C-alpha atoms as a PDB file:
ATOM      1  CA  MET A   1     -13.949 -18.609   8.543  1.00  0.00           C
ATOM      2  CA  GLU A   2     -10.900 -20.594   6.865  1.00  0.00           C
ATOM      3  CA  GLY A   3      -9.309 -21.041   2.984  1.00  0.00           C
ATOM      4  CA  HIS A   4      -6.894 -23.367   1.787  1.00  0.00           C
ATOM      5  CA  TYR A   5      -4.369 -22.641  -0.726  1.00  0.00           C
ATOM      6  CA  GLU A   6      -5.518 -24.493  -3.813  1.00  0.00           C
ATOM      7  CA  GLU A   7      -4.208 -25.549  -7.651  1.00  0.00           C
ATOM      8  CA  SER A   8      -7.179 -24.341  -9.007  1.00  0.00           C
ATOM      9  CA  ALA A   9     -10.518 -23.430  -7.552  1.00  0.00           C
ATOM     10  CA  PRO A  10     -12.839 -20.971  -7.402  1.00  0.00           C
ATOM     11  CA  ALA A  11     -11.146 -18.365  -5.044  1.00  0.00           C
ATOM     12  CA  ASP A  12     -12.337 -16.135  -1.618  1.00  0.00           C
ATOM     13  CA  LEU A  13     -11.547 -12.226  -1.456  1.00  0.00           C
ATOM     14  CA  TYR A  14     -10.023 -11.707   2.316  1.00  0.00           C
ATOM     15  CA  LEU A  15     -10.716  -8.145   3.526  1.00  0.00           C
ATOM     16  CA  LEU A  16      -8.835  -9.276   6.488  1.00  0.00           C
ATOM     17  CA  GLY A  17      -7.497 -12.079   8.212  1.00  0.00           C
ATOM     18  CA  TRP A  18      -4.400 -14.329   8.885  1.00  0.00           C
ATOM     19  CA  VAL A  19      -2.704 -16.926   6.646  1.00  0.00           C
ATOM     20  CA  ASN A  20      -0.338 -20.011   7.935  1.00  0.00           C
ATOM     21  CA  ASP A  21       2.365 -20.856   6.123  1.00  0.00           C
ATOM     22  CA  GLU A  22       2.849 -24.157   7.686  1.00  0.00           C
ATOM     23  CA  THR A  23      -1.165 -24.822   7.545  1.00  0.00           C
ATOM     24  CA  GLN A  24      -1.437 -23.333   4.593  1.00  0.00           C
ATOM     25  CA  GLU A  25      -4.741 -22.002   5.601  1.00  0.00           C
ATOM     26  CA  VAL A  26      -6.210 -18.256   5.391  1.00  0.00           C
ATOM     27  CA  THR A  27      -8.215 -17.718   8.124  1.00  0.00           C
ATOM     28  CA  GLY A  28      -9.829 -14.401   8.451  1.00  0.00           C
ATOM     29  CA  LEU A  29     -13.215 -12.277   7.243  1.00  0.00           C
ATOM     30  CA  LYS A  30     -14.180 -12.912   3.607  1.00  0.00           C
ATOM     31  CA  LEU A  31     -16.339 -12.367   1.052  1.00  0.00           C
ATOM     32  CA  PRO A  32     -16.924 -16.183  -0.927  1.00  0.00           C
ATOM     33  CA  GLY A  33     -16.148 -16.493  -4.348  1.00  0.00           C
ATOM     34  CA  GLY A  34     -14.936 -12.432  -4.655  1.00  0.00           C
ATOM     35  CA  LEU A  35     -11.799 -13.107  -6.127  1.00  0.00           C
ATOM     36  CA  SER A  36     -12.864 -14.884  -8.553  1.00  0.00           C
ATOM     37  CA  PHE A  37     -15.710 -12.559  -9.403  1.00  0.00           C
ATOM     38  CA  MET A  38     -13.143  -9.444  -9.625  1.00  0.00           C
ATOM     39  CA  ILE A  39     -11.039 -11.565 -12.255  1.00  0.00           C
ATOM     40  CA  ASP A  40     -13.945 -12.937 -14.362  1.00  0.00           C
ATOM     41  CA  GLN A  41     -17.100 -11.674 -13.332  1.00  0.00           C
ATOM     42  CA  ASP A  42     -17.942 -14.933 -12.324  1.00  0.00           C
ATOM     43  CA  PHE A  43     -18.395 -15.760  -8.674  1.00  0.00           C
ATOM     44  CA  GLU A  44     -17.338 -19.656  -9.433  1.00  0.00           C
ATOM     45  CA  ALA A  45     -14.476 -19.199 -12.111  1.00  0.00           C
ATOM     46  CA  GLU A  46     -11.518 -21.278 -11.201  1.00  0.00           C
ATOM     47  CA  VAL A  47      -8.002 -18.983  -9.822  1.00  0.00           C
ATOM     48  CA  THR A  48      -4.684 -20.609 -10.237  1.00  0.00           C
ATOM     49  CA  GLY A  49      -3.594 -20.598  -6.726  1.00  0.00           C
ATOM     50  CA  LEU A  50       0.285 -20.858  -5.171  1.00  0.00           C
ATOM     51  CA  ASN A  51      -0.173 -24.575  -5.045  1.00  0.00           C
ATOM     52  CA  ALA A  52       0.053 -24.723  -9.038  1.00  0.00           C
ATOM     53  CA  PHE A  53       4.418 -24.146  -8.251  1.00  0.00           C
ATOM     54  CA  PRO A  54       6.883 -25.367  -7.269  1.00  0.00           C
ATOM     55  CA  LYS A  55       7.719 -24.422  -3.517  1.00  0.00           C
ATOM     56  CA  ASP A  56      11.090 -23.065  -4.890  1.00  0.00           C
ATOM     57  CA  GLU A  57       9.158 -20.562  -7.220  1.00  0.00           C
ATOM     58  CA  ARG A  58       7.018 -19.324  -4.273  1.00  0.00           C
ATOM     59  CA  PRO A  59       7.319 -15.987  -1.978  1.00  0.00           C
ATOM     60  CA  GLY A  60       8.472 -17.461   1.512  1.00  0.00           C
ATOM     61  CA  GLN A  61       6.306 -15.190   3.183  1.00  0.00           C
ATOM     62  CA  VAL A  62       2.976 -14.930   1.886  1.00  0.00           C
ATOM     63  CA  ASN A  63       1.276 -13.910   5.520  1.00  0.00           C
ATOM     64  CA  ALA A  64       3.791 -10.813   5.153  1.00  0.00           C
ATOM     65  CA  VAL A  65       2.742  -9.802   1.636  1.00  0.00           C
ATOM     66  CA  PHE A  66      -0.896 -10.509   2.320  1.00  0.00           C
ATOM     67  CA  GLN A  67      -0.675  -8.382   5.431  1.00  0.00           C
ATOM     68  CA  PHE A  68       1.367  -5.722   3.424  1.00  0.00           C
ATOM     69  CA  TYR A  69      -1.518  -5.739   0.999  1.00  0.00           C
ATOM     70  CA  HIS A  70      -4.105  -5.177   2.905  1.00  0.00           C
ATOM     71  CA  ILE A  71      -2.868  -2.679   4.585  1.00  0.00           C
ATOM     72  CA  MET A  72      -1.907  -1.242   1.629  1.00  0.00           C
ATOM     73  CA  ILE A  73      -5.772  -1.222   0.238  1.00  0.00           C
ATOM     74  CA  SER A  74      -7.052  -0.250   3.923  1.00  0.00           C
ATOM     75  CA  ILE A  75      -5.240   3.136   3.728  1.00  0.00           C
ATOM     76  CA  GLY A  76      -6.588   3.670  -0.144  1.00  0.00           C
ATOM     77  CA  MET A  77     -10.293   3.040   1.114  1.00  0.00           C
ATOM     78  CA  LEU A  78      -9.711   4.570   4.750  1.00  0.00           C
ATOM     79  CA  LEU A  79      -8.291   8.309   2.627  1.00  0.00           C
ATOM     80  CA  ILE A  80     -11.419   7.626  -0.418  1.00  0.00           C
ATOM     81  CA  GLY A  81     -13.710   7.457   2.727  1.00  0.00           C
ATOM     82  CA  LEU A  82     -12.764  10.992   4.279  1.00  0.00           C
ATOM     83  CA  THR A  83     -11.942  12.458   1.075  1.00  0.00           C
ATOM     84  CA  LEU A  84     -15.879  11.278  -0.117  1.00  0.00           C
ATOM     85  CA  TYR A  85     -17.286  12.391   3.662  1.00  0.00           C
ATOM     86  CA  ALA A  86     -15.772  15.661   3.481  1.00  0.00           C
ATOM     87  CA  SER A  87     -16.789  16.421   0.630  1.00  0.00           C
ATOM     88  CA  PHE A  88     -20.210  16.004   1.697  1.00  0.00           C
ATOM     89  CA  LEU A  89     -19.627  18.526   4.671  1.00  0.00           C
ATOM     90  CA  TRP A  90     -17.620  21.421   2.269  1.00  0.00           C
ATOM     91  CA  TRP A  91     -21.091  20.775   0.303  1.00  0.00           C
ATOM     92  CA  ARG A  92     -23.296  21.077   2.951  1.00  0.00           C
ATOM     93  CA  GLY A  93     -21.562  24.303   3.822  1.00  0.00           C
ATOM     94  CA  THR A  94     -20.291  22.726   8.003  1.00  0.00           C
ATOM     95  CA  LEU A  95     -16.916  21.242   6.617  1.00  0.00           C
ATOM     96  CA  PHE A  96     -14.335  23.673   7.988  1.00  0.00           C
ATOM     97  CA  LYS A  97     -16.652  23.748  11.606  1.00  0.00           C
ATOM     98  CA  LYS A  98     -15.544  20.217  12.031  1.00  0.00           C
ATOM     99  CA  LYS A  99     -12.131  20.967  13.722  1.00  0.00           C
ATOM    100  CA  TRP A 100     -11.811  17.031  14.653  1.00  0.00           C
ATOM    101  CA  LEU A 101     -12.066  16.362  10.987  1.00  0.00           C
ATOM    102  CA  LEU A 102      -9.897  18.900  10.121  1.00  0.00           C
ATOM    103  CA  LYS A 103      -6.954  17.442  12.271  1.00  0.00           C
ATOM    104  CA  ILE A 104      -7.259  14.282  10.931  1.00  0.00           C
ATOM    105  CA  PHE A 105      -6.816  15.603   7.750  1.00  0.00           C
ATOM    106  CA  ALA A 106      -3.473  16.709   9.421  1.00  0.00           C
ATOM    107  CA  PHE A 107      -2.053  13.595  10.236  1.00  0.00           C
ATOM    108  CA  SER A 108      -3.645  11.546   7.045  1.00  0.00           C
ATOM    109  CA  VAL A 109      -0.636  13.507   4.941  1.00  0.00           C
ATOM    110  CA  LEU A 110       1.793  10.616   6.437  1.00  0.00           C
ATOM    111  CA  LEU A 111      -0.930   7.711   5.311  1.00  0.00           C
ATOM    112  CA  PRO A 112      -0.417   8.014   1.556  1.00  0.00           C
ATOM    113  CA  GLN A 113       3.645   6.847   2.425  1.00  0.00           C
ATOM    114  CA  ILE A 114       2.811   4.747   4.322  1.00  0.00           C
ATOM    115  CA  ALA A 115       0.531   2.920   1.521  1.00  0.00           C
ATOM    116  CA  ASN A 116       3.430   3.678  -1.063  1.00  0.00           C
ATOM    117  CA  GLN A 117       6.190   1.801   1.192  1.00  0.00           C
ATOM    118  CA  VAL A 118       4.157  -1.295   2.085  1.00  0.00           C
ATOM    119  CA  GLY A 119       2.718  -1.391  -1.774  1.00  0.00           C
ATOM    120  CA  TRP A 120       7.118  -1.556  -2.488  1.00  0.00           C
ATOM    121  CA  PHE A 121       6.959  -4.194   0.397  1.00  0.00           C
ATOM    122  CA  THR A 122       3.963  -6.425  -1.166  1.00  0.00           C
ATOM    123  CA  ALA A 123       5.798  -6.064  -4.683  1.00  0.00           C
ATOM    124  CA  GLU A 124       9.362  -6.850  -3.312  1.00  0.00           C
ATOM    125  CA  MET A 125       8.323 -10.393  -1.081  1.00  0.00           C
ATOM    126  CA  GLY A 126       5.906 -10.683  -3.351  1.00  0.00           C
ATOM    127  CA  ARG A 127       7.923 -11.463  -6.646  1.00  0.00           C
ATOM    128  CA  GLN A 128      10.404 -13.845  -4.815  1.00  0.00           C
ATOM    129  CA  PRO A 129      12.382 -15.569  -5.700  1.00  0.00           C
ATOM    130  CA  TRP A 130      12.216 -13.820  -9.354  1.00  0.00           C
ATOM    131  CA  ILE A 131      13.788 -10.340 -10.451  1.00  0.00           C
ATOM    132  CA  VAL A 132      12.294 -11.167 -13.837  1.00  0.00           C
ATOM    133  CA  TYR A 133       9.991 -13.716 -13.775  1.00  0.00           C
ATOM    134  CA  GLY A 134      10.772 -17.232 -15.384  1.00  0.00           C
ATOM    135  CA  HIS A 135      13.990 -15.043 -16.377  1.00  0.00           C
ATOM    136  CA  LEU A 136      16.367 -14.147 -13.517  1.00  0.00           C
ATOM    137  CA  ARG A 137      15.752 -15.212  -9.561  1.00  0.00           C
ATOM    138  CA  THR A 138      16.991 -13.135  -7.178  1.00  0.00           C
ATOM    139  CA  ASP A 139      20.259 -15.297  -5.690  1.00  0.00           C
ATOM    140  CA  GLU A 140      21.369 -14.675  -9.586  1.00  0.00           C
ATOM    141  CA  GLY A 141      21.447 -10.936  -9.765  1.00  0.00           C
ATOM    142  CA  PHE A 142      23.901  -9.919  -7.781  1.00  0.00           C
ATOM    143  CA  SER A 143      26.743  -8.186  -9.425  1.00  0.00           C
ATOM    144  CA  GLN A 144      30.078  -9.960  -8.562  1.00  0.00           C
ATOM    145  CA  GLU A 145      31.989  -6.201  -9.179  1.00  0.00           C
ATOM    146  CA  VAL A 146      30.395  -4.309  -6.423  1.00  0.00           C
ATOM    147  CA  SER A 147      31.433  -5.260  -2.521  1.00  0.00           C
ATOM    148  CA  SER A 148      29.589  -5.411   0.369  1.00  0.00           C
ATOM    149  CA  ASN A 149      31.006  -2.190   1.402  1.00  0.00           C
ATOM    150  CA  GLN A 150      29.896  -0.517  -1.736  1.00  0.00           C
ATOM    151  CA  VAL A 151      26.808  -1.508  -1.155  1.00  0.00           C
ATOM    152  CA  LEU A 152      26.204  -0.541   2.230  1.00  0.00           C
ATOM    153  CA  PHE A 153      27.709   3.196   1.203  1.00  0.00           C
ATOM    154  CA  SER A 154      24.558   3.552  -1.322  1.00  0.00           C
ATOM    155  CA  LEU A 155      22.306   2.137   0.916  1.00  0.00           C
ATOM    156  CA  ILE A 156      23.716   4.888   3.500  1.00  0.00           C
ATOM    157  CA  LEU A 157      23.581   7.399   1.152  1.00  0.00           C
ATOM    158  CA  PHE A 158      19.787   6.679   0.283  1.00  0.00           C
ATOM    159  CA  LEU A 159      19.136   6.641   3.577  1.00  0.00           C
ATOM    160  CA  VAL A 160      20.397  10.285   4.397  1.00  0.00           C
ATOM    161  CA  VAL A 161      19.004  11.338   0.966  1.00  0.00           C
ATOM    162  CA  TYR A 162      15.081  10.369   2.142  1.00  0.00           C
ATOM    163  CA  ALA A 163      15.390  11.772   5.264  1.00  0.00           C
ATOM    164  CA  ILE A 164      16.271  14.986   4.195  1.00  0.00           C
ATOM    165  CA  LEU A 165      13.480  15.242   1.691  1.00  0.00           C
ATOM    166  CA  PHE A 166      10.732  13.277   4.696  1.00  0.00           C
ATOM    167  CA  ILE A 167      12.032  16.551   7.096  1.00  0.00           C
ATOM    168  CA  LEU A 168      11.538  19.164   4.004  1.00  0.00           C
ATOM    169  CA  PHE A 169       8.278  17.535   3.091  1.00  0.00           C
ATOM    170  CA  LEU A 170       7.119  18.120   6.744  1.00  0.00           C
ATOM    171  CA  TYR A 171       8.599  21.164   7.169  1.00  0.00           C
ATOM    172  CA  SER A 172       6.515  22.567   4.079  1.00  0.00           C
ATOM    173  CA  VAL A 173       3.262  20.523   5.175  1.00  0.00           C
ATOM    174  CA  ASN A 174       3.469  21.925   8.007  1.00  0.00           C
ATOM    175  CA  LYS A 175       3.764  26.018   7.347  1.00  0.00           C
ATOM    176  CA  LYS A 176       0.563  24.969   4.703  1.00  0.00           C
ATOM    177  CA  ILE A 177      -1.223  23.779   7.650  1.00  0.00           C
ATOM    178  CA  LYS A 178      -0.282  26.723   9.837  1.00  0.00           C
ATOM    179  CA  HIS A 179      -0.845  29.207   7.344  1.00  0.00           C
ATOM    180  CA  GLY A 180      -4.550  27.918   6.724  1.00  0.00           C
ATOM    181  CA  PRO A 181      -6.612  27.437   4.131  1.00  0.00           C
ATOM    182  CA  TYR A 182      -6.304  30.282   1.186  1.00  0.00           C
ATOM    183  CA  ASP A 183      -9.631  31.861  -0.194  1.00  0.00           C
ATOM    184  CA  GLU A 184      -9.272  32.122  -3.627  1.00  0.00           C
ATOM    185  CA  ALA A 185     -11.908  34.551  -4.361  1.00  0.00           C
ATOM    186  CA  LYS A 186     -11.103  36.845  -1.449  1.00  0.00           C
ATOM    187  CA  ASN A 187      -7.755  37.137  -2.474  1.00  0.00           C
ATOM    188  CA  PRO A 188      -6.139  35.387  -5.995  1.00  0.00           C
ATOM    189  CA  ASP A 189      -2.973  36.987  -6.085  1.00  0.00           C
ATOM    190  CA  GLU A 190      -2.095  35.638  -2.462  1.00  0.00           C
ATOM    191  CA  PHE A 191      -3.575  32.433  -3.554  1.00  0.00           C
ATOM    192  CA  LEU A 192      -1.697  32.141  -6.758  1.00  0.00           C
ATOM    193  CA  ASN A 193       1.915  32.974  -4.481  1.00  0.00           C
ATOM    194  CA  TYR A 194       0.579  29.941  -2.482  1.00  0.00           C
ATOM    195  CA  ILE A 195       0.395  27.484  -5.277  1.00  0.00           C
END
């Protein structure tokens, strides 16, 4: 199923797909009028598209923004689905008998971090070429007083700090996973120390 960037028309909601920047066509699985409905509760409501803006005021990598956004949403929906399924199993008293699900939960702690990063890419790439829309473009926002060596040094420092935080996060999560769940009712003091 294909669609075009329109200046103003009813907009489909793509669940997954691919954007061809050259032909301005979107191919994928879509819900016709879904985006229009989300915005105005009307499947026929017109939505302003990218072609309504001058070419030099649009993001250059529309497909990358599209993919990063959909990765973020997919991770969120997956985690919601896992949580609902696990809540149902817990209600039935069979959650802790499903070892495969507990292993998925152990590894799924990384998914919010990934969703956070791709969400950040979506926001930063999607706002291009603006820092402040209509007022300050990205190419006007660099400082004349900061050298490239200073920028590189600060990026390296950020990388080191975030690497240390990530290692501490993995250590803490691993420690809690190895210990296993606490029964609050049987050992309230141990549970409070765990928190």
